[in-house]
Amino acid sequence: MIKVNAIGDACPIPVVKTKNAIRDLNGPGTVVTLVDNEIAVQNLEKMARQKGYGVQAEKLGDNQFQVTMTVGAGDAAPAPQEPVVCQPQRSGKKNTVVVIRRAQMGGGSEELGKTLLKGFLFALSQQDQLPTTLLFYNGGAALTCEGSGSLEDLKTLEAMGVEILTCGTCLNFYGLTEQLQVGEVTNMYTIAEKMTQADLLVEP
């Protein structure tokens, strides 16, 4: 069993911490997460339904809740994905989507391009106004996987509410399916939807 203390953490950090703990289980087991608000409880329950985990929530006291997830070897297939809602969309906020389609930024030197892209993703995590979604496909898929130098920056962005999606076909093509470390796997329909519905599309 792994215990996660997410008391005082803003959405979606309790979900991110719990996902990381489940990954650390590396098989069947139990993750118990402590949170201090009902929205966090609801988001954790949604995640459990998406993944097919057993889930039980219990109120321990004022502003203290315990959510227990049971991960089994024979979990049911995940239910259709539901978004984790932290707060209503602010009116006037742009739906900005950043597209990463290769593992380097710009043309010319590959080594320089990789350094530039790493710097771009760090700088992105420091912005006052964050993008809504980061899309990774083709060569860019490697950046969300084991061995990427940008994983910490991407995990920071995810913890601050940025949606991170990587093309499943691309992960499979490059043999990276089991190495995804941050965000979720997506498909071309969702990629097209995110891009066409964006107010601003950024491609470094």
Foldseek 3Di string as FASTA:
>chain_A
DAEAECEPAAPPQQVLRQVVVVVVVVAWDKYKYKYQDVLNVVLNVLVCQQQQWDWDKDAPDHRIIIIMTTDHPDGDHGDPHDDRDRDDDDPPQFQEEEEEEACFQDDDDRVNRNVVVLVVLQVQLVDPRHHQEYEYEANRLCCQFPPHPNPVSQSSSVSVRHAYEYEPVNCVVVVGNVGGDDHYYDHPVVVVVSVVPGPHYHYD
